[in-house]
């Protein structure tokens, strides 16, 4: 999938053009999200999110993930603490929206 992300990290705001792929598919247990983006003079970002899905006794699903990011260019000069906190924030936003989308889809399927 192609992706465009406009992102502000500290004083730098950039538009990243890139791609996102699902890899290492092991349905319904796990998969890996691989993304790469180029932001011109701002730099580049590459990352992976290893996702594990575990069935719970109550019938729900526990979603766990581990994110790894590699960056370069001007954004790399901002410092690892700022980059790490931004990566955690973006990951949490993504998975929160992902869960909300699934809940809406499931409620539509089952008339809820």
N, C-alpha and C. Protein backbone atom coordinates (compact mmCIF):
# COMPACT_ATOMS: atom_id res chain seq x y z
N UNK A 1 0.84 -1.17 0.00
CA UNK A 1 0.00 0.00 0.00
C UNK A 1 0.89 1.24 0.00
N UNK A 2 0.47 2.24 -0.70
CA UNK A 2 1.19 3.52 -0.69
C UNK A 2 0.66 4.37 0.45
N UNK A 3 1.53 5.20 1.00
CA UNK A 3 1.13 6.03 2.14
C UNK A 3 1.76 7.41 2.02
N UNK A 4 1.02 8.41 2.48
CA UNK A 4 1.52 9.77 2.63
C UNK A 4 1.23 10.20 4.06
N UNK A 5 2.28 10.63 4.76
CA UNK A 5 2.12 11.04 6.15
C UNK A 5 2.71 12.43 6.31
N UNK A 6 1.94 13.34 6.89
CA UNK A 6 2.45 14.65 7.26
C UNK A 6 2.68 14.59 8.76
N UNK A 7 3.90 14.89 9.17
CA UNK A 7 4.30 14.67 10.54
C UNK A 7 5.11 15.83 11.07
N UNK A 8 4.83 16.21 12.31
CA UNK A 8 5.62 17.24 12.98
C UNK A 8 6.32 16.59 14.15
N UNK A 9 7.64 16.63 14.11
CA UNK A 9 8.45 16.10 15.20
C UNK A 9 9.31 17.25 15.70
N UNK A 10 9.01 17.72 16.89
CA UNK A 10 9.73 18.89 17.40
C UNK A 10 9.54 20.05 16.44
N UNK A 11 10.64 20.70 16.03
CA UNK A 11 10.52 21.86 15.14
C UNK A 11 10.41 21.50 13.66
N UNK A 12 10.50 20.24 13.32
CA UNK A 12 10.50 19.83 11.92
C UNK A 12 9.15 19.26 11.51
N UNK A 13 8.59 19.84 10.45
CA UNK A 13 7.36 19.32 9.87
C UNK A 13 7.70 18.85 8.46
N UNK A 14 7.31 17.62 8.16
CA UNK A 14 7.66 17.07 6.85
C UNK A 14 6.54 16.19 6.33
N UNK A 15 6.56 16.03 5.02
CA UNK A 15 5.62 15.14 4.33
C UNK A 15 6.43 13.94 3.85
N UNK A 16 6.03 12.77 4.31
CA UNK A 16 6.72 11.54 3.95
C UNK A 16 5.88 10.75 2.95
N UNK A 17 6.51 10.37 1.85
CA UNK A 17 5.88 9.50 0.86
C UNK A 17 6.51 8.13 1.04
N UNK A 18 5.69 7.10 1.09
CA UNK A 18 6.28 5.80 1.31
C UNK A 18 5.32 4.66 1.06
N UNK A 19 5.67 3.54 1.65
CA UNK A 19 4.88 2.34 1.45
C UNK A 19 4.74 1.58 2.77
N UNK A 20 3.69 0.78 2.82
CA UNK A 20 3.42 -0.07 3.97
C UNK A 20 3.08 -1.46 3.44
N UNK A 21 3.69 -2.48 4.03
CA UNK A 21 3.43 -3.86 3.62
C UNK A 21 3.14 -4.71 4.85
N UNK A 22 2.33 -5.74 4.66
CA UNK A 22 2.13 -6.76 5.69
C UNK A 22 3.00 -7.94 5.29
N UNK A 23 3.82 -8.42 6.23
CA UNK A 23 4.74 -9.52 5.97
C UNK A 23 4.62 -10.57 7.08
N UNK A 24 5.29 -11.68 6.86
CA UNK A 24 5.33 -12.76 7.86
C UNK A 24 3.94 -13.08 8.38
N UNK A 25 2.99 -13.19 7.46
CA UNK A 25 1.60 -13.45 7.85
C UNK A 25 1.46 -14.85 8.43
N UNK A 26 0.89 -14.92 9.62
CA UNK A 26 0.62 -16.17 10.30
C UNK A 26 -0.78 -16.09 10.92
N UNK A 27 -1.82 -15.97 10.05
CA UNK A 27 -3.17 -15.79 10.57
C UNK A 27 -3.63 -17.00 11.37
N UNK A 28 -4.35 -16.78 12.40
CA UNK A 28 -4.77 -15.51 13.00
C UNK A 28 -3.87 -15.10 14.17
N UNK A 29 -2.61 -15.54 14.17
CA UNK A 29 -1.76 -15.35 15.34
C UNK A 29 -0.82 -14.15 15.29
N UNK A 30 -0.24 -13.87 14.12
CA UNK A 30 0.76 -12.79 14.09
C UNK A 30 1.01 -12.31 12.66
N UNK A 31 1.63 -11.14 12.58
CA UNK A 31 2.06 -10.58 11.30
C UNK A 31 3.03 -9.45 11.60
N UNK A 32 3.68 -8.95 10.57
CA UNK A 32 4.59 -7.82 10.71
C UNK A 32 4.17 -6.73 9.74
N UNK A 33 4.13 -5.50 10.22
CA UNK A 33 3.88 -4.33 9.38
C UNK A 33 5.23 -3.69 9.10
N UNK A 34 5.55 -3.50 7.82
CA UNK A 34 6.82 -2.90 7.42
C UNK A 34 6.51 -1.62 6.68
N UNK A 35 7.12 -0.52 7.11
CA UNK A 35 6.88 0.76 6.45
C UNK A 35 8.17 1.49 6.17
N UNK A 36 8.13 2.30 5.12
CA UNK A 36 9.29 3.08 4.73
C UNK A 36 8.80 4.38 4.12
N UNK A 37 9.42 5.49 4.52
CA UNK A 37 9.02 6.77 3.98
C UNK A 37 10.20 7.70 3.76
N UNK A 38 10.07 8.56 2.73
CA UNK A 38 11.12 9.54 2.44
C UNK A 38 10.50 10.92 2.54
N UNK A 39 11.18 11.80 3.29
CA UNK A 39 10.67 13.14 3.52
C UNK A 39 11.57 14.23 2.99
N UNK A 40 12.26 13.97 1.89
CA UNK A 40 13.14 14.99 1.31
C UNK A 40 14.24 15.38 2.26
N UNK A 41 14.46 16.68 2.45
CA UNK A 41 15.54 17.15 3.32
C UNK A 41 15.32 16.77 4.78
N UNK A 42 14.07 16.51 5.15
CA UNK A 42 13.81 16.11 6.54
C UNK A 42 14.41 14.75 6.85
N UNK A 43 14.54 13.90 5.83
CA UNK A 43 15.16 12.61 6.05
C UNK A 43 14.28 11.45 5.65
N UNK A 44 14.54 10.31 6.27
CA UNK A 44 13.79 9.10 5.96
C UNK A 44 13.45 8.38 7.25
N UNK A 45 12.48 7.49 7.14
CA UNK A 45 12.11 6.64 8.27
C UNK A 45 11.78 5.25 7.74
N UNK A 46 12.26 4.25 8.43
CA UNK A 46 11.93 2.86 8.13
C UNK A 46 11.52 2.24 9.45
N UNK A 47 10.51 1.42 9.41
CA UNK A 47 10.10 0.81 10.66
C UNK A 47 9.36 -0.49 10.47
N UNK A 48 9.32 -1.27 11.54
CA UNK A 48 8.56 -2.50 11.56
C UNK A 48 7.76 -2.57 12.85
N UNK A 49 6.63 -3.21 12.78
CA UNK A 49 5.82 -3.49 13.97
C UNK A 49 5.48 -4.97 13.93
N UNK A 50 6.01 -5.72 14.87
CA UNK A 50 5.66 -7.13 15.00
C UNK A 50 4.41 -7.21 15.86
N UNK A 51 3.35 -7.81 15.31
CA UNK A 51 2.05 -7.85 15.96
C UNK A 51 1.71 -9.29 16.34
N UNK A 52 1.28 -9.47 17.58
CA UNK A 52 0.87 -10.79 18.06
C UNK A 52 -0.57 -10.69 18.55
N UNK A 53 -1.42 -11.59 18.08
CA UNK A 53 -2.82 -11.64 18.49
C UNK A 53 -3.03 -12.91 19.31
N UNK A 54 -3.62 -12.75 20.50
CA UNK A 54 -3.83 -13.88 21.40
C UNK A 54 -5.29 -13.93 21.81
N UNK A 55 -5.91 -15.07 21.61
CA UNK A 55 -7.31 -15.26 22.01
C UNK A 55 -7.40 -15.24 23.54
N UNK A 56 -8.39 -14.53 24.05
CA UNK A 56 -8.61 -14.42 25.49
C UNK A 56 -9.78 -15.30 25.92
N UNK A 57 -9.81 -15.67 27.19
CA UNK A 57 -10.85 -16.55 27.71
C UNK A 57 -12.25 -15.94 27.56
N UNK A 58 -12.34 -14.61 27.57
CA UNK A 58 -13.65 -13.95 27.47
C UNK A 58 -14.14 -13.84 26.03
N UNK A 59 -13.38 -14.40 25.08
CA UNK A 59 -13.77 -14.34 23.67
C UNK A 59 -13.14 -13.17 22.93
N UNK A 60 -12.46 -12.28 23.64
CA UNK A 60 -11.80 -11.15 23.01
C UNK A 60 -10.44 -11.54 22.48
N UNK A 61 -9.74 -10.58 21.93
CA UNK A 61 -8.40 -10.79 21.39
C UNK A 61 -7.46 -9.75 21.97
N UNK A 62 -6.33 -10.21 22.50
CA UNK A 62 -5.28 -9.31 22.99
C UNK A 62 -4.34 -9.01 21.85
N UNK A 63 -4.12 -7.72 21.54
CA UNK A 63 -3.22 -7.29 20.49
C UNK A 63 -1.98 -6.71 21.15
N UNK A 64 -0.83 -7.31 20.89
CA UNK A 64 0.45 -6.80 21.41
C UNK A 64 1.33 -6.46 20.23
N UNK A 65 2.19 -5.44 20.38
CA UNK A 65 3.07 -5.08 19.28
C UNK A 65 4.39 -4.56 19.80
N UNK A 66 5.42 -4.73 18.99
CA UNK A 66 6.76 -4.23 19.28
C UNK A 66 7.22 -3.47 18.04
N UNK A 67 7.56 -2.21 18.21
CA UNK A 67 7.91 -1.34 17.09
C UNK A 67 9.41 -1.05 17.10
N UNK A 68 10.01 -1.10 15.90
CA UNK A 68 11.42 -0.74 15.72
C UNK A 68 11.48 0.29 14.61
N UNK A 69 12.25 1.37 14.82
CA UNK A 69 12.33 2.45 13.84
C UNK A 69 13.78 2.81 13.57
N UNK A 70 14.09 3.09 12.30
CA UNK A 70 15.40 3.57 11.88
C UNK A 70 15.16 4.86 11.12
N UNK A 71 15.87 5.93 11.51
CA UNK A 71 15.67 7.23 10.86
C UNK A 71 17.00 7.83 10.45
N UNK A 72 16.93 8.77 9.50
CA UNK A 72 18.12 9.49 9.06
C UNK A 72 17.74 10.87 8.58
N UNK A 73 18.73 11.72 8.38
CA UNK A 73 18.49 13.09 7.94
C UNK A 73 18.27 14.03 9.11
N UNK A 74 17.61 15.15 8.85
CA UNK A 74 17.40 16.16 9.89
C UNK A 74 16.63 15.63 11.09
N UNK A 75 15.65 14.75 10.84
CA UNK A 75 14.87 14.25 11.98
C UNK A 75 15.74 13.41 12.91
N UNK A 76 16.79 12.80 12.39
CA UNK A 76 17.68 12.00 13.24
C UNK A 76 18.47 12.88 14.20
N UNK A 77 18.62 14.15 13.88
CA UNK A 77 19.38 15.07 14.71
C UNK A 77 18.59 15.57 15.93
N UNK A 78 17.31 15.24 15.99
CA UNK A 78 16.46 15.76 17.07
C UNK A 78 16.71 15.06 18.40
N UNK A 79 17.27 13.90 18.38
CA UNK A 79 17.53 13.19 19.62
C UNK A 79 16.62 11.99 19.78
N UNK A 80 17.17 10.94 20.34
CA UNK A 80 16.45 9.68 20.44
C UNK A 80 15.23 9.75 21.36
N UNK A 81 15.28 10.55 22.42
CA UNK A 81 14.12 10.62 23.33
C UNK A 81 12.91 11.19 22.62
N UNK A 82 13.10 12.25 21.84
CA UNK A 82 11.99 12.86 21.11
C UNK A 82 11.47 11.90 20.03
N UNK A 83 12.38 11.25 19.33
CA UNK A 83 11.98 10.31 18.28
C UNK A 83 11.25 9.12 18.90
N UNK A 84 11.79 8.57 19.99
CA UNK A 84 11.15 7.42 20.64
C UNK A 84 9.75 7.76 21.13
N UNK A 85 9.58 8.92 21.74
CA UNK A 85 8.25 9.28 22.25
C UNK A 85 7.28 9.52 21.10
N UNK A 86 7.75 10.09 20.00
CA UNK A 86 6.89 10.29 18.83
C UNK A 86 6.51 8.95 18.21
N UNK A 87 7.46 8.03 18.11
CA UNK A 87 7.17 6.70 17.55
C UNK A 87 6.15 5.97 18.41
N UNK A 88 6.29 6.05 19.74
CA UNK A 88 5.32 5.40 20.63
C UNK A 88 3.93 6.02 20.46
N UNK A 89 3.88 7.35 20.36
CA UNK A 89 2.60 8.05 20.20
C UNK A 89 1.93 7.66 18.89
N UNK A 90 2.70 7.63 17.80
CA UNK A 90 2.13 7.28 16.49
C UNK A 90 1.66 5.82 16.46
N UNK A 91 2.45 4.93 17.07
CA UNK A 91 2.05 3.52 17.13
C UNK A 91 0.76 3.36 17.90
N UNK A 92 0.65 4.02 19.05
CA UNK A 92 -0.56 3.93 19.87
C UNK A 92 -1.76 4.48 19.10
N UNK A 93 -1.59 5.60 18.38
CA UNK A 93 -2.68 6.16 17.59
C UNK A 93 -3.12 5.20 16.50
N UNK A 94 -2.15 4.60 15.80
CA UNK A 94 -2.47 3.67 14.73
C UNK A 94 -3.28 2.49 15.26
N UNK A 95 -2.79 1.85 16.31
CA UNK A 95 -3.47 0.66 16.81
C UNK A 95 -4.81 0.99 17.46
N UNK A 96 -4.94 2.17 18.04
CA UNK A 96 -6.23 2.60 18.58
C UNK A 96 -7.25 2.75 17.46
N UNK A 97 -6.84 3.40 16.36
CA UNK A 97 -7.74 3.56 15.22
C UNK A 97 -8.04 2.22 14.57
N UNK A 98 -7.06 1.35 14.55
CA UNK A 98 -7.23 0.00 14.00
C UNK A 98 -8.30 -0.75 14.80
N UNK A 99 -8.20 -0.71 16.11
CA UNK A 99 -9.17 -1.39 16.98
C UNK A 99 -10.56 -0.78 16.79
N UNK A 100 -10.66 0.54 16.74
CA UNK A 100 -11.96 1.19 16.53
C UNK A 100 -12.57 0.77 15.20
N UNK A 101 -11.75 0.69 14.16
CA UNK A 101 -12.24 0.27 12.85
C UNK A 101 -12.75 -1.17 12.89
N UNK A 102 -12.01 -2.04 13.56
CA UNK A 102 -12.46 -3.43 13.70
C UNK A 102 -13.78 -3.52 14.46
N UNK A 103 -13.89 -2.76 15.54
CA UNK A 103 -15.12 -2.79 16.34
C UNK A 103 -16.31 -2.34 15.50
N UNK A 104 -16.13 -1.30 14.69
CA UNK A 104 -17.22 -0.82 13.83
C UNK A 104 -17.58 -1.88 12.79
N UNK A 105 -16.56 -2.50 12.20
CA UNK A 105 -16.81 -3.54 11.20
C UNK A 105 -17.55 -4.72 11.81
N UNK A 106 -17.14 -5.13 12.99
CA UNK A 106 -17.75 -6.29 13.64
C UNK A 106 -19.18 -5.96 14.06
N UNK A 107 -19.42 -4.76 14.55
CA UNK A 107 -20.79 -4.42 14.96
C UNK A 107 -21.70 -4.35 13.74
N UNK A 108 -21.16 -3.93 12.60
CA UNK A 108 -21.94 -3.91 11.37
C UNK A 108 -22.28 -5.31 10.89
N UNK A 109 -21.34 -6.22 11.08
CA UNK A 109 -21.55 -7.61 10.67
C UNK A 109 -22.63 -8.30 11.51
N UNK A 110 -22.61 -7.98 12.80
CA UNK A 110 -23.51 -8.67 13.72
C UNK A 110 -24.68 -7.79 14.17
N UNK A 111 -24.87 -6.67 13.49
CA UNK A 111 -26.02 -5.82 13.76
C UNK A 111 -25.99 -5.12 15.10
N UNK A 112 -24.78 -4.86 15.64
CA UNK A 112 -24.65 -4.26 16.97
C UNK A 112 -24.54 -2.82 16.95
